[in-house]
Amino acid sequence: MELLQLVAGVAVGALLVYQVLLRWNEIWYQWIVNKSLPLPPGTMGWPLIGENISFQKLGPDFIADHQRRYGNMFKTHLFGNPVVVCTDSDVNKYVLTSESKGILLGYPRTFSEILGKWSTFSLYGSEHKAMRGILISLVAGPALRERILPKIDEFMKSYLSNWSDKILDFEKKSDEKENLEIRKGKAEDYTINWDDYNSMSFTRAVVLEALRMASAGIGFLRKTTVDTKIKGYIIPKGWTLLLRSVETNKDTDTYAEPLKFNPWRWLESNLESHQYFMLFGGGERLCPAKEFGVLQISMFLHYLVTRYRWEEVGENKIVRFPHVEAPNGLYYRFRDC
């Protein structure tokens, strides 16, 4: 009997210790914050390690599970820091446009160290605005039309000169038709001009839809430098905000049937101008090379579908977490049209 009581006592004690350890981060941060507003709902895992193990093990399912349990904004503990994960389109838009309110970039210091003190990752305020303006003058507007377009055209023709295309089979026939129309009546060694590029409306839609469906990163990182009130919760100074673009890009309020690949949605609705368009970031940090990137991919696709046919070789594996990659490579067999 005494042995059973001892075992029961140890079990109860172990359970209590387990519960205290599991809630230690949550209890600790709630105590040190001690604000009138509550922290967002959620769990913060074990002392020191937080919920890193579950995050690495479950990947996107970790976010989906917590979103089901706690809603579109929840707290956790990742990468050694208290983190608030946001999948709410309105919250993400607010945060991305609130640099002046003390919500700054939250990427590791190594980003700035690698890119340099004059990179846009390292600059704020008037210095960032000036540097961003310089970048835009180099990769957008007249520079894109008059200097960059001819160079990309020449590069893509050379790059694709001796191989057959890749299975980017996203509505290939429609994309192919548009690009064949551009090629029609041109000499064999033709070049793409600015009017040709602007006529690639469906190709642009394909690029945007592919970006929407397959976000490359886990989201945008920001950090609070002051206590910040959002949707009735307090985000304490020094906390990290993980803005999940994956969920924003699949928000049913913005995109009908969001899990369906449908480039036509970009032609039927003015989605590129809507307030939750975040494929290239947002606010003051909107990517200055947005058009440069779309131009590169569009030119690649043009010469791809007008010169080659392709087929997949073997079973290509795609990993989508923590970032999109093909760990074993991608293999395709190409042939000329």
Foldseek 3Di string as FASTA:
>chain_A
DVVVVVVVVVVVVVVVVVVCQQQVVVVVVCVVVVDPFAAAADGAGGPQAKCAVVCVVVPPVVVVVRCVVRNQWHWYAHPRFIEIEGLDLVVQLCLLACVVVFKAADDDPVVCVVVDCQDLNNDDDPSNVVSLVVVLVCQHDPNVQPPVQQVLQVVLCVVCVPAFDDPPPQVLVVLLVLLVVLVPPDDPPDTDHPVSLVSSLLLLLLVLLVLLQAPFAQAGKIFGQAFDDDPRHTDHHGHIYGYGSNSLSQPCVLDPPSNDRDSCVVVVDVSCPDSSPQSQHDHSRRPSNVVVVSSNSSSNSSCNSQWKDKDFDDDFDWDPPNGTDGVVDGDMHMDTD
